[in-house]
PDB file of N, CA and C in Angstrom:
ATOM      1  N   MET A   1      23.390  46.431 -40.086  1.00  0.00           N
ATOM      2  CA  MET A   1      22.492  46.022 -41.163  1.00  0.00           C
ATOM      3  C   MET A   1      23.143  46.414 -42.485  1.00  0.00           C
ATOM      4  N   ASN A   2      23.111  45.513 -43.421  1.00  0.00           N
ATOM      5  CA  ASN A   2      23.626  45.816 -44.756  1.00  0.00           C
ATOM      6  C   ASN A   2      22.452  46.046 -45.711  1.00  0.00           C
ATOM      7  N   ILE A   3      22.765  46.379 -46.939  1.00  0.00           N
ATOM      8  CA  ILE A   3      21.726  46.721 -47.924  1.00  0.00           C
ATOM      9  C   ILE A   3      20.773  45.549 -48.186  1.00  0.00           C
ATOM     10  N   ILE A   4      21.279  44.348 -48.171  1.00  0.00           N
ATOM     11  CA  ILE A   4      20.434  43.165 -48.416  1.00  0.00           C
ATOM     12  C   ILE A   4      19.455  42.965 -47.263  1.00  0.00           C
ATOM     13  N   GLU A   5      19.938  43.092 -46.045  1.00  0.00           N
ATOM     14  CA  GLU A   5      19.070  42.953 -44.871  1.00  0.00           C
ATOM     15  C   GLU A   5      18.044  44.088 -44.821  1.00  0.00           C
ATOM     16  N   TYR A   6      18.477  45.291 -45.156  1.00  0.00           N
ATOM     17  CA  TYR A   6      17.583  46.442 -45.200  1.00  0.00           C
ATOM     18  C   TYR A   6      16.452  46.199 -46.205  1.00  0.00           C
ATOM     19  N   ARG A   7      16.823  45.784 -47.390  1.00  0.00           N
ATOM     20  CA  ARG A   7      15.835  45.513 -48.436  1.00  0.00           C
ATOM     21  C   ARG A   7      14.837  44.443 -47.997  1.00  0.00           C
ATOM     22  N   LYS A   8      15.353  43.365 -47.448  1.00  0.00           N
ATOM     23  CA  LYS A   8      14.501  42.266 -46.992  1.00  0.00           C
ATOM     24  C   LYS A   8      13.539  42.747 -45.906  1.00  0.00           C
ATOM     25  N   TYR A   9      14.045  43.548 -44.984  1.00  0.00           N
ATOM     26  CA  TYR A   9      13.195  44.047 -43.907  1.00  0.00           C
ATOM     27  C   TYR A   9      12.100  44.966 -44.450  1.00  0.00           C
ATOM     28  N   CYS A  10      12.446  45.888 -45.317  1.00  0.00           N
ATOM     29  CA  CYS A  10      11.444  46.797 -45.886  1.00  0.00           C
ATOM     30  C   CYS A  10      10.362  46.046 -46.648  1.00  0.00           C
ATOM     31  N   LEU A  11      10.760  45.010 -47.361  1.00  0.00           N
ATOM     32  CA  LEU A  11       9.791  44.233 -48.132  1.00  0.00           C
ATOM     33  C   LEU A  11       8.958  43.283 -47.272  1.00  0.00           C
ATOM     34  N   SER A  12       9.303  43.160 -45.995  1.00  0.00           N
ATOM     35  CA  SER A  12       8.552  42.270 -45.112  1.00  0.00           C
ATOM     36  C   SER A  12       7.219  42.869 -44.662  1.00  0.00           C
ATOM     37  N   PHE A  13       7.015  44.153 -44.898  1.00  0.00           N
ATOM     38  CA  PHE A  13       5.773  44.800 -44.492  1.00  0.00           C
ATOM     39  C   PHE A  13       4.671  44.521 -45.515  1.00  0.00           C
ATOM     40  N   PRO A  14       3.444  44.321 -45.040  1.00  0.00           N
ATOM     41  CA  PRO A  14       2.335  44.046 -45.952  1.00  0.00           C
ATOM     42  C   PRO A  14       2.182  45.125 -47.020  1.00  0.00           C
ATOM     43  N   GLY A  15       2.172  44.696 -48.270  1.00  0.00           N
ATOM     44  CA  GLY A  15       1.954  45.605 -49.390  1.00  0.00           C
ATOM     45  C   GLY A  15       3.149  46.423 -49.809  1.00  0.00           C
ATOM     46  N   ALA A  16       4.291  46.243 -49.154  1.00  0.00           N
ATOM     47  CA  ALA A  16       5.481  47.038 -49.492  1.00  0.00           C
ATOM     48  C   ALA A  16       5.984  46.691 -50.886  1.00  0.00           C
ATOM     49  N   GLU A  17       6.396  47.722 -51.600  1.00  0.00           N
ATOM     50  CA  GLU A  17       6.946  47.570 -52.943  1.00  0.00           C
ATOM     51  C   GLU A  17       8.228  48.375 -53.046  1.00  0.00           C
ATOM     52  N   GLU A  18       9.124  47.925 -53.922  1.00  0.00           N
ATOM     53  CA  GLU A  18      10.376  48.654 -54.134  1.00  0.00           C
ATOM     54  C   GLU A  18      10.454  49.123 -55.573  1.00  0.00           C
ATOM     55  N   GLY A  19      11.258  50.149 -55.791  1.00  0.00           N
ATOM     56  CA  GLY A  19      11.435  50.647 -57.138  1.00  0.00           C
ATOM     57  C   GLY A  19      12.531  51.696 -57.189  1.00  0.00           C
ATOM     58  N   PHE A  20      12.792  52.151 -58.416  1.00  0.00           N
ATOM     59  CA  PHE A  20      13.796  53.177 -58.680  1.00  0.00           C
ATOM     60  C   PHE A  20      13.147  54.313 -59.467  1.00  0.00           C
ATOM     61  N   PRO A  21      12.205  55.050 -58.842  1.00  0.00           N
ATOM     62  CA  PRO A  21      11.471  56.077 -59.591  1.00  0.00           C
ATOM     63  C   PRO A  21      12.286  57.323 -59.944  1.00  0.00           C
ATOM     64  N   PHE A  22      13.392  57.564 -59.257  1.00  0.00           N
ATOM     65  CA  PHE A  22      14.163  58.785 -59.474  1.00  0.00           C
ATOM     66  C   PHE A  22      15.373  58.565 -60.370  1.00  0.00           C
ATOM     67  N   ASP A  23      16.120  57.522 -60.103  1.00  0.00           N
ATOM     68  CA  ASP A  23      17.304  57.174 -60.882  1.00  0.00           C
ATOM     69  C   ASP A  23      17.690  55.738 -60.548  1.00  0.00           C
ATOM     70  N   GLU A  24      18.763  55.236 -61.151  1.00  0.00           N
ATOM     71  CA  GLU A  24      19.148  53.834 -60.963  1.00  0.00           C
ATOM     72  C   GLU A  24      19.883  53.581 -59.645  1.00  0.00           C
ATOM     73  N   ASP A  25      20.148  54.622 -58.871  1.00  0.00           N
ATOM     74  CA  ASP A  25      20.856  54.481 -57.596  1.00  0.00           C
ATOM     75  C   ASP A  25      19.953  54.582 -56.368  1.00  0.00           C
ATOM     76  N   THR A  26      18.829  55.260 -56.497  1.00  0.00           N
ATOM     77  CA  THR A  26      17.976  55.562 -55.353  1.00  0.00           C
ATOM     78  C   THR A  26      16.862  54.523 -55.221  1.00  0.00           C
ATOM     79  N   LEU A  27      17.033  53.636 -54.244  1.00  0.00           N
ATOM     80  CA  LEU A  27      16.058  52.585 -53.978  1.00  0.00           C
ATOM     81  C   LEU A  27      14.975  53.130 -53.053  1.00  0.00           C
ATOM     82  N   VAL A  28      13.728  53.017 -53.498  1.00  0.00           N
ATOM     83  CA  VAL A  28      12.589  53.586 -52.781  1.00  0.00           C
ATOM     84  C   VAL A  28      11.617  52.474 -52.399  1.00  0.00           C
ATOM     85  N   PHE A  29      11.180  52.509 -51.147  1.00  0.00           N
ATOM     86  CA  PHE A  29      10.167  51.568 -50.675  1.00  0.00           C
ATOM     87  C   PHE A  29       8.884  52.333 -50.434  1.00  0.00           C
ATOM     88  N   LYS A  30       7.789  51.782 -50.987  1.00  0.00           N
ATOM     89  CA  LYS A  30       6.496  52.453 -50.922  1.00  0.00           C
ATOM     90  C   LYS A  30       5.426  51.493 -50.424  1.00  0.00           C
ATOM     91  N   ILE A  31       4.366  52.101 -49.916  1.00  0.00           N
ATOM     92  CA  ILE A  31       3.147  51.379 -49.597  1.00  0.00           C
ATOM     93  C   ILE A  31       2.008  52.136 -50.277  1.00  0.00           C
ATOM     94  N   LYS A  32       1.346  51.471 -51.191  1.00  0.00           N
ATOM     95  CA  LYS A  32       0.254  52.088 -51.949  1.00  0.00           C
ATOM     96  C   LYS A  32       0.680  53.412 -52.584  1.00  0.00           C
ATOM     97  N   GLY A  33       1.886  53.430 -53.128  1.00  0.00           N
ATOM     98  CA  GLY A  33       2.389  54.599 -53.837  1.00  0.00           C
ATOM     99  C   GLY A  33       2.991  55.682 -52.961  1.00  0.00           C
ATOM    100  N   LYS A  34       2.993  55.488 -51.651  1.00  0.00           N
ATOM    101  CA  LYS A  34       3.522  56.472 -50.707  1.00  0.00           C
ATOM    102  C   LYS A  34       4.850  55.963 -50.137  1.00  0.00           C
ATOM    103  N   ILE A  35       5.868  56.800 -50.165  1.00  0.00           N
ATOM    104  CA  ILE A  35       7.213  56.422 -49.734  1.00  0.00           C
ATOM    105  C   ILE A  35       7.286  56.290 -48.210  1.00  0.00           C
ATOM    106  N   PHE A  36       7.959  55.193 -47.769  1.00  0.00           N
ATOM    107  CA  PHE A  36       8.245  55.080 -46.345  1.00  0.00           C
ATOM    108  C   PHE A  36       9.736  54.929 -46.045  1.00  0.00           C
ATOM    109  N   SER A  37      10.559  54.638 -47.047  1.00  0.00           N
ATOM    110  CA  SER A  37      12.010  54.597 -46.828  1.00  0.00           C
ATOM    111  C   SER A  37      12.740  54.707 -48.161  1.00  0.00           C
ATOM    112  N   ILE A  38      13.937  55.305 -48.093  1.00  0.00           N
ATOM    113  CA  ILE A  38      14.768  55.524 -49.282  1.00  0.00           C
ATOM    114  C   ILE A  38      16.229  55.332 -48.895  1.00  0.00           C
ATOM    115  N   THR A  39      17.017  54.788 -49.846  1.00  0.00           N
ATOM    116  CA  THR A  39      18.464  54.732 -49.668  1.00  0.00           C
ATOM    117  C   THR A  39      19.153  54.749 -51.019  1.00  0.00           C
ATOM    118  N   ASP A  40      20.447  54.955 -50.999  1.00  0.00           N
ATOM    119  CA  ASP A  40      21.284  54.867 -52.203  1.00  0.00           C
ATOM    120  C   ASP A  40      21.876  53.460 -52.228  1.00  0.00           C
ATOM    121  N   VAL A  41      21.571  52.695 -53.274  1.00  0.00           N
ATOM    122  CA  VAL A  41      22.017  51.296 -53.318  1.00  0.00           C
ATOM    123  C   VAL A  41      23.522  51.150 -53.469  1.00  0.00           C
ATOM    124  N   ASP A  42      24.176  52.121 -54.069  1.00  0.00           N
ATOM    125  CA  ASP A  42      25.626  52.021 -54.257  1.00  0.00           C
ATOM    126  C   ASP A  42      26.399  52.283 -52.974  1.00  0.00           C
ATOM    127  N   SER A  43      26.036  53.342 -52.267  1.00  0.00           N
ATOM    128  CA  SER A  43      26.812  53.707 -51.075  1.00  0.00           C
ATOM    129  C   SER A  43      26.196  53.185 -49.775  1.00  0.00           C
ATOM    130  N   PHE A  44      24.881  53.090 -49.711  1.00  0.00           N
ATOM    131  CA  PHE A  44      24.141  52.716 -48.497  1.00  0.00           C
ATOM    132  C   PHE A  44      24.660  53.508 -47.292  1.00  0.00           C
ATOM    133  N   GLU A  45      24.910  54.804 -47.519  1.00  0.00           N
ATOM    134  CA  GLU A  45      25.420  55.681 -46.462  1.00  0.00           C
ATOM    135  C   GLU A  45      24.312  56.261 -45.591  1.00  0.00           C
ATOM    136  N   LEU A  46      23.132  56.471 -46.190  1.00  0.00           N
ATOM    137  CA  LEU A  46      22.003  57.051 -45.474  1.00  0.00           C
ATOM    138  C   LEU A  46      20.741  56.246 -45.749  1.00  0.00           C
ATOM    139  N   VAL A  47      19.886  56.177 -44.737  1.00  0.00           N
ATOM    140  CA  VAL A  47      18.546  55.620 -44.903  1.00  0.00           C
ATOM    141  C   VAL A  47      17.586  56.708 -44.454  1.00  0.00           C
ATOM    142  N   ASN A  48      16.656  57.076 -45.318  1.00  0.00           N
ATOM    143  CA  ASN A  48      15.649  58.078 -44.982  1.00  0.00           C
ATOM    144  C   ASN A  48      14.379  57.379 -44.509  1.00  0.00           C
ATOM    145  N   VAL A  49      13.819  57.881 -43.405  1.00  0.00           N
ATOM    146  CA  VAL A  49      12.558  57.362 -42.879  1.00  0.00           C
ATOM    147  C   VAL A  49      11.665  58.518 -42.445  1.00  0.00           C
ATOM    148  N   LYS A  50      10.382  58.312 -42.600  1.00  0.00           N
ATOM    149  CA  LYS A  50       9.408  59.300 -42.152  1.00  0.00           C
ATOM    150  C   LYS A  50       9.333  59.221 -40.628  1.00  0.00           C
ATOM    151  N   CYS A  51       9.067  60.364 -39.997  1.00  0.00           N
ATOM    152  CA  CYS A  51       9.071  60.397 -38.539  1.00  0.00           C
ATOM    153  C   CYS A  51       8.117  61.470 -38.036  1.00  0.00           C
ATOM    154  N   ASP A  52       7.485  61.209 -36.909  1.00  0.00           N
ATOM    155  CA  ASP A  52       6.686  62.227 -36.241  1.00  0.00           C
ATOM    156  C   ASP A  52       7.580  63.437 -35.991  1.00  0.00           C
ATOM    157  N   PRO A  53       7.120  64.653 -36.292  1.00  0.00           N
ATOM    158  CA  PRO A  53       7.977  65.834 -36.175  1.00  0.00           C
ATOM    159  C   PRO A  53       8.635  66.044 -34.802  1.00  0.00           C
ATOM    160  N   VAL A  54       7.901  65.834 -33.731  1.00  0.00           N
ATOM    161  CA  VAL A  54       8.476  66.016 -32.396  1.00  0.00           C
ATOM    162  C   VAL A  54       9.505  64.922 -32.121  1.00  0.00           C
ATOM    163  N   LYS A  55       9.157  63.705 -32.458  1.00  0.00           N
ATOM    164  CA  LYS A  55      10.094  62.589 -32.260  1.00  0.00           C
ATOM    165  C   LYS A  55      11.341  62.771 -33.121  1.00  0.00           C
ATOM    166  N   ALA A  56      11.164  63.296 -34.322  1.00  0.00           N
ATOM    167  CA  ALA A  56      12.299  63.513 -35.228  1.00  0.00           C
ATOM    168  C   ALA A  56      13.344  64.409 -34.579  1.00  0.00           C
ATOM    169  N   ILE A  57      12.904  65.482 -33.965  1.00  0.00           N
ATOM    170  CA  ILE A  57      13.827  66.405 -33.298  1.00  0.00           C
ATOM    171  C   ILE A  57      14.509  65.720 -32.119  1.00  0.00           C
ATOM    172  N   ASN A  58      13.735  64.988 -31.331  1.00  0.00           N
ATOM    173  CA  ASN A  58      14.304  64.282 -30.176  1.00  0.00           C
ATOM    174  C   ASN A  58      15.367  63.274 -30.598  1.00  0.00           C
ATOM    175  N   LEU A  59      15.109  62.548 -31.679  1.00  0.00           N
ATOM    176  CA  LEU A  59      16.081  61.553 -32.152  1.00  0.00           C
ATOM    177  C   LEU A  59      17.361  62.224 -32.643  1.00  0.00           C
ATOM    178  N   ARG A  60      17.212  63.356 -33.315  1.00  0.00           N
ATOM    179  CA  ARG A  60      18.391  64.090 -33.800  1.00  0.00           C
ATOM    180  C   ARG A  60      19.251  64.592 -32.642  1.00  0.00           C
ATOM    181  N   GLU A  61      18.589  64.984 -31.563  1.00  0.00           N
ATOM    182  CA  GLU A  61      19.328  65.465 -30.389  1.00  0.00           C
ATOM    183  C   GLU A  61      19.999  64.320 -29.631  1.00  0.00           C
ATOM    184  N   LYS A  62      19.384  63.158 -29.648  1.00  0.00           N
ATOM    185  CA  LYS A  62      19.877  62.021 -28.864  1.00  0.00           C
ATOM    186  C   LYS A  62      20.964  61.226 -29.574  1.00  0.00           C
ATOM    187  N   TYR A  63      20.833  61.066 -30.906  1.00  0.00           N
ATOM    188  CA  TYR A  63      21.747  60.197 -31.652  1.00  0.00           C
ATOM    189  C   TYR A  63      22.537  61.008 -32.679  1.00  0.00           C
ATOM    190  N   PRO A  64      23.851  60.937 -32.640  1.00  0.00           N
ATOM    191  CA  PRO A  64      24.664  61.700 -33.601  1.00  0.00           C
ATOM    192  C   PRO A  64      24.542  61.198 -35.042  1.00  0.00           C
ATOM    193  N   PHE A  65      24.051  59.983 -35.209  1.00  0.00           N
ATOM    194  CA  PHE A  65      23.905  59.419 -36.559  1.00  0.00           C
ATOM    195  C   PHE A  65      22.522  59.683 -37.157  1.00  0.00           C
ATOM    196  N   VAL A  66      21.677  60.460 -36.484  1.00  0.00           N
ATOM    197  CA  VAL A  66      20.361  60.845 -37.007  1.00  0.00           C
ATOM    198  C   VAL A  66      20.411  62.330 -37.341  1.00  0.00           C
ATOM    199  N   ILE A  67      20.102  62.651 -38.603  1.00  0.00           N
ATOM    200  CA  ILE A  67      20.139  64.026 -39.088  1.00  0.00           C
ATOM    201  C   ILE A  67      18.836  64.347 -39.816  1.00  0.00           C
ATOM    202  N   PRO A  68      18.551  65.628 -40.052  1.00  0.00           N
ATOM    203  CA  PRO A  68      17.355  65.973 -40.830  1.00  0.00           C
ATOM    204  C   PRO A  68      17.378  65.278 -42.194  1.00  0.00           C
ATOM    205  N   GLY A  69      16.213  64.887 -42.666  1.00  0.00           N
ATOM    206  CA  GLY A  69      16.096  64.131 -43.906  1.00  0.00           C
ATOM    207  C   GLY A  69      16.801  64.771 -45.085  1.00  0.00           C
ATOM    208  N   TYR A  70      17.749  64.054 -45.637  1.00  0.00           N
ATOM    209  CA  TYR A  70      18.516  64.516 -46.795  1.00  0.00           C
ATOM    210  C   TYR A  70      17.627  64.501 -48.030  1.00  0.00           C
ATOM    211  N   HIS A  71      17.476  65.629 -48.688  1.00  0.00           N
ATOM    212  CA  HIS A  71      16.611  65.813 -49.861  1.00  0.00           C
ATOM    213  C   HIS A  71      15.142  65.526 -49.558  1.00  0.00           C
ATOM    214  N   MET A  72      14.758  65.651 -48.291  1.00  0.00           N
ATOM    215  CA  MET A  72      13.379  65.376 -47.896  1.00  0.00           C
ATOM    216  C   MET A  72      12.877  66.549 -47.047  1.00  0.00           C
ATOM    217  N   ASN A  73      11.597  66.531 -46.734  1.00  0.00           N
ATOM    218  CA  ASN A  73      11.021  67.523 -45.839  1.00  0.00           C
ATOM    219  C   ASN A  73      11.645  67.315 -44.456  1.00  0.00           C
ATOM    220  N   LYS A  74      12.413  68.274 -44.012  1.00  0.00           N
ATOM    221  CA  LYS A  74      13.186  68.139 -42.767  1.00  0.00           C
ATOM    222  C   LYS A  74      12.297  68.015 -41.526  1.00  0.00           C
ATOM    223  N   LYS A  75      11.072  68.463 -41.620  1.00  0.00           N
ATOM    224  CA  LYS A  75      10.154  68.370 -40.485  1.00  0.00           C
ATOM    225  C   LYS A  75       9.664  66.934 -40.289  1.00  0.00           C
ATOM    226  N   HIS A  76       9.453  66.216 -41.374  1.00  0.00           N
ATOM    227  CA  HIS A  76       8.822  64.899 -41.310  1.00  0.00           C
ATOM    228  C   HIS A  76       9.747  63.723 -41.626  1.00  0.00           C
ATOM    229  N   TRP A  77      10.980  63.994 -41.980  1.00  0.00           N
ATOM    230  CA  TRP A  77      11.894  62.914 -42.369  1.00  0.00           C
ATOM    231  C   TRP A  77      13.236  63.043 -41.654  1.00  0.00           C
ATOM    232  N   ASN A  78      13.766  61.890 -41.272  1.00  0.00           N
ATOM    233  CA  ASN A  78      15.123  61.810 -40.730  1.00  0.00           C
ATOM    234  C   ASN A  78      15.971  60.953 -41.655  1.00  0.00           C
ATOM    235  N   SER A  79      17.248  61.249 -41.690  1.00  0.00           N
ATOM    236  CA  SER A  79      18.226  60.401 -42.364  1.00  0.00           C
ATOM    237  C   SER A  79      19.097  59.767 -41.295  1.00  0.00           C
ATOM    238  N   ILE A  80      19.342  58.488 -41.440  1.00  0.00           N
ATOM    239  CA  ILE A  80      20.191  57.766 -40.506  1.00  0.00           C
ATOM    240  C   ILE A  80      21.498  57.462 -41.217  1.00  0.00           C
ATOM    241  N   LYS A  81      22.599  57.932 -40.639  1.00  0.00           N
ATOM    242  CA  LYS A  81      23.921  57.656 -41.192  1.00  0.00           C
ATOM    243  C   LYS A  81      24.256  56.202 -40.896  1.00  0.00           C
ATOM    244  N   MET A  82      24.479  55.436 -41.948  1.00  0.00           N
ATOM    245  CA  MET A  82      24.667  53.996 -41.799  1.00  0.00           C
ATOM    246  C   MET A  82      26.119  53.621 -41.497  1.00  0.00           C
ATOM    247  N   ASP A  83      26.622  54.172 -40.400  1.00  0.00           N
ATOM    248  CA  ASP A  83      27.937  53.725 -39.953  1.00  0.00           C
ATOM    249  C   ASP A  83      27.706  52.573 -38.973  1.00  0.00           C
ATOM    250  N   HIS A  84      28.737  52.063 -38.408  1.00  0.00           N
ATOM    251  CA  HIS A  84      28.610  50.873 -37.565  1.00  0.00           C
ATOM    252  C   HIS A  84      28.036  51.151 -36.178  1.00  0.00           C
ATOM    253  N   SER A  85      27.755  52.404 -35.871  1.00  0.00           N
ATOM    254  CA  SER A  85      27.225  52.715 -34.549  1.00  0.00           C
ATOM    255  C   SER A  85      25.701  52.635 -34.473  1.00  0.00           C
ATOM    256  N   VAL A  86      25.036  52.373 -35.589  1.00  0.00           N
ATOM    257  CA  VAL A  86      23.576  52.325 -35.597  1.00  0.00           C
ATOM    258  C   VAL A  86      23.109  50.939 -35.132  1.00  0.00           C
ATOM    259  N   PRO A  87      22.464  50.864 -33.976  1.00  0.00           N
ATOM    260  CA  PRO A  87      21.938  49.572 -33.529  1.00  0.00           C
ATOM    261  C   PRO A  87      20.836  49.083 -34.483  1.00  0.00           C
ATOM    262  N   GLU A  88      20.916  47.841 -34.883  1.00  0.00           N
ATOM    263  CA  GLU A  88      19.970  47.292 -35.851  1.00  0.00           C
ATOM    264  C   GLU A  88      18.531  47.354 -35.341  1.00  0.00           C
ATOM    265  N   ASP A  89      18.328  47.105 -34.064  1.00  0.00           N
ATOM    266  CA  ASP A  89      16.968  47.137 -33.535  1.00  0.00           C
ATOM    267  C   ASP A  89      16.360  48.531 -33.617  1.00  0.00           C
ATOM    268  N   LEU A  90      17.178  49.573 -33.417  1.00  0.00           N
ATOM    269  CA  LEU A  90      16.679  50.944 -33.568  1.00  0.00           C
ATOM    270  C   LEU A  90      16.313  51.239 -35.013  1.00  0.00           C
ATOM    271  N   LEU A  91      17.186  50.867 -35.931  1.00  0.00           N
ATOM    272  CA  LEU A  91      16.904  51.107 -37.345  1.00  0.00           C
ATOM    273  C   LEU A  91      15.624  50.404 -37.761  1.00  0.00           C
ATOM    274  N   LYS A  92      15.469  49.160 -37.353  1.00  0.00           N
ATOM    275  CA  LYS A  92      14.246  48.423 -37.686  1.00  0.00           C
ATOM    276  C   LYS A  92      13.018  49.111 -37.094  1.00  0.00           C
ATOM    277  N   GLN A  93      13.135  49.597 -35.877  1.00  0.00           N
ATOM    278  CA  GLN A  93      12.007  50.285 -35.248  1.00  0.00           C
ATOM    279  C   GLN A  93      11.642  51.547 -36.021  1.00  0.00           C
ATOM    280  N   TRP A  94      12.643  52.306 -36.440  1.00  0.00           N
ATOM    281  CA  TRP A  94      12.378  53.546 -37.176  1.00  0.00           C
ATOM    282  C   TRP A  94      11.784  53.269 -38.550  1.00  0.00           C
ATOM    283  N   ILE A  95      12.213  52.206 -39.211  1.00  0.00           N
ATOM    284  CA  ILE A  95      11.615  51.824 -40.498  1.00  0.00           C
ATOM    285  C   ILE A  95      10.164  51.414 -40.275  1.00  0.00           C
ATOM    286  N   SER A  96       9.933  50.624 -39.240  1.00  0.00           N
ATOM    287  CA  SER A  96       8.571  50.197 -38.917  1.00  0.00           C
ATOM    288  C   SER A  96       7.684  51.394 -38.576  1.00  0.00           C
ATOM    289  N   ASP A  97       8.208  52.318 -37.778  1.00  0.00           N
ATOM    290  CA  ASP A  97       7.446  53.536 -37.447  1.00  0.00           C
ATOM    291  C   ASP A  97       7.096  54.322 -38.709  1.00  0.00           C
ATOM    292  N   SER A  98       8.044  54.416 -39.627  1.00  0.00           N
ATOM    293  CA  SER A  98       7.832  55.135 -40.877  1.00  0.00           C
ATOM    294  C   SER A  98       6.702  54.484 -41.679  1.00  0.00           C
ATOM    295  N   TYR A  99       6.778  53.174 -41.808  1.00  0.00           N
ATOM    296  CA  TYR A  99       5.733  52.421 -42.512  1.00  0.00           C
ATOM    297  C   TYR A  99       4.372  52.694 -41.863  1.00  0.00           C
ATOM    298  N   GLN A 100       4.307  52.602 -40.532  1.00  0.00           N
ATOM    299  CA  GLN A 100       3.041  52.796 -39.820  1.00  0.00           C
ATOM    300  C   GLN A 100       2.497  54.217 -39.991  1.00  0.00           C
ATOM    301  N   LEU A 101       3.378  55.210 -40.007  1.00  0.00           N
ATOM    302  CA  LEU A 101       2.940  56.593 -40.235  1.00  0.00           C
ATOM    303  C   LEU A 101       2.290  56.748 -41.609  1.00  0.00           C
ATOM    304  N   VAL A 102       2.892  56.121 -42.609  1.00  0.00           N
ATOM    305  CA  VAL A 102       2.349  56.209 -43.965  1.00  0.00           C
ATOM    306  C   VAL A 102       1.018  55.462 -44.049  1.00  0.00           C
ATOM    307  N   VAL A 103       0.957  54.268 -43.488  1.00  0.00           N
ATOM    308  CA  VAL A 103      -0.282  53.481 -43.506  1.00  0.00           C
ATOM    309  C   VAL A 103      -1.407  54.241 -42.812  1.00  0.00           C
ATOM    310  N   ALA A 104      -1.104  54.919 -41.718  1.00  0.00           N
ATOM    311  CA  ALA A 104      -2.123  55.659 -40.961  1.00  0.00           C
ATOM    312  C   ALA A 104      -2.770  56.775 -41.778  1.00  0.00           C
ATOM    313  N   LYS A 105      -2.097  57.246 -42.808  1.00  0.00           N
ATOM    314  CA  LYS A 105      -2.638  58.317 -43.662  1.00  0.00           C
ATOM    315  C   LYS A 105      -3.436  57.766 -44.855  1.00  0.00           C
ATOM    316  N   LEU A 106      -3.408  56.446 -45.041  1.00  0.00           N
ATOM    317  CA  LEU A 106      -4.149  55.833 -46.139  1.00  0.00           C
ATOM    318  C   LEU A 106      -5.630  55.731 -45.774  1.00  0.00           C
ATOM    319  N   PRO A 107      -6.497  55.607 -46.785  1.00  0.00           N
ATOM    320  CA  PRO A 107      -7.924  55.423 -46.489  1.00  0.00           C
ATOM    321  C   PRO A 107      -8.145  54.189 -45.609  1.00  0.00           C
ATOM    322  N   LYS A 108      -9.153  54.244 -44.765  1.00  0.00           N
ATOM    323  CA  LYS A 108      -9.450  53.147 -43.821  1.00  0.00           C
ATOM    324  C   LYS A 108      -9.626  51.814 -44.549  1.00  0.00           C
ATOM    325  N   LYS A 109     -10.277  51.847 -45.688  1.00  0.00           N
ATOM    326  CA  LYS A 109     -10.496  50.611 -46.450  1.00  0.00           C
ATOM    327  C   LYS A 109      -9.156  50.004 -46.863  1.00  0.00           C
ATOM    328  N   THR A 110      -8.248  50.834 -47.314  1.00  0.00           N
ATOM    329  CA  THR A 110      -6.919  50.361 -47.709  1.00  0.00           C
ATOM    330  C   THR A 110      -6.163  49.811 -46.502  1.00  0.00           C
ATOM    331  N   GLN A 111      -6.280  50.487 -45.359  1.00  0.00           N
ATOM    332  CA  GLN A 111      -5.635  49.999 -44.135  1.00  0.00           C
ATOM    333  C   GLN A 111      -6.145  48.604 -43.773  1.00  0.00           C
ATOM    334  N   GLU A 112      -7.443  48.402 -43.906  1.00  0.00           N
ATOM    335  CA  GLU A 112      -8.026  47.085 -43.600  1.00  0.00           C
ATOM    336  C   GLU A 112      -7.538  46.026 -44.570  1.00  0.00           C
ATOM    337  N   GLU A 113      -7.420  46.399 -45.854  1.00  0.00           N
ATOM    338  CA  GLU A 113      -6.901  45.459 -46.864  1.00  0.00           C
ATOM    339  C   GLU A 113      -5.481  45.038 -46.523  1.00  0.00           C
ATOM    340  N   LEU A 114      -4.675  45.969 -46.065  1.00  0.00           N
ATOM    341  CA  LEU A 114      -3.286  45.665 -45.726  1.00  0.00           C
ATOM    342  C   LEU A 114      -3.198  44.704 -44.539  1.00  0.00           C
ATOM    343  N   LYS A 115      -4.116  44.831 -43.605  1.00  0.00           N
ATOM    344  CA  LYS A 115      -4.127  43.944 -42.434  1.00  0.00           C
ATOM    345  C   LYS A 115      -4.379  42.493 -42.835  1.00  0.00           C
ATOM    346  N   SER A 116      -5.078  42.290 -43.951  1.00  0.00           N
ATOM    347  CA  SER A 116      -5.404  40.930 -44.384  1.00  0.00           C
ATOM    348  C   SER A 116      -4.308  40.290 -45.240  1.00  0.00           C
ATOM    349  N   LEU A 117      -3.252  41.040 -45.558  1.00  0.00           N
ATOM    350  CA  LEU A 117      -2.153  40.482 -46.374  1.00  0.00           C
ATOM    351  C   LEU A 117      -1.209  39.654 -45.536  1.00  0.00           C
TER     352      LEU A 117
END
């Protein structure tokens, strides 16, 4: 997956928005103001995704390209090293899981609104 495909996939989720709230290099994807994925647009070396804490540890043990979230809460975030060994279907699943984790923490009314988009 390249940066263009990554961006397109992140924006495919209902209500997803992109921005550069930190600097001109850090591309952030949010749902209702809550981050679900981050990357550096220049290097595209890492993709940060939110993850269930137990699953996060299991993924780090299983895949050498999954590490604790860089500049993020290491308990709840993983960083995926974007080398050529990352299967696209896994990356998409982890981005989707991240989005779903964030949506699950939103108010029920907001969750219902997102379902109708």
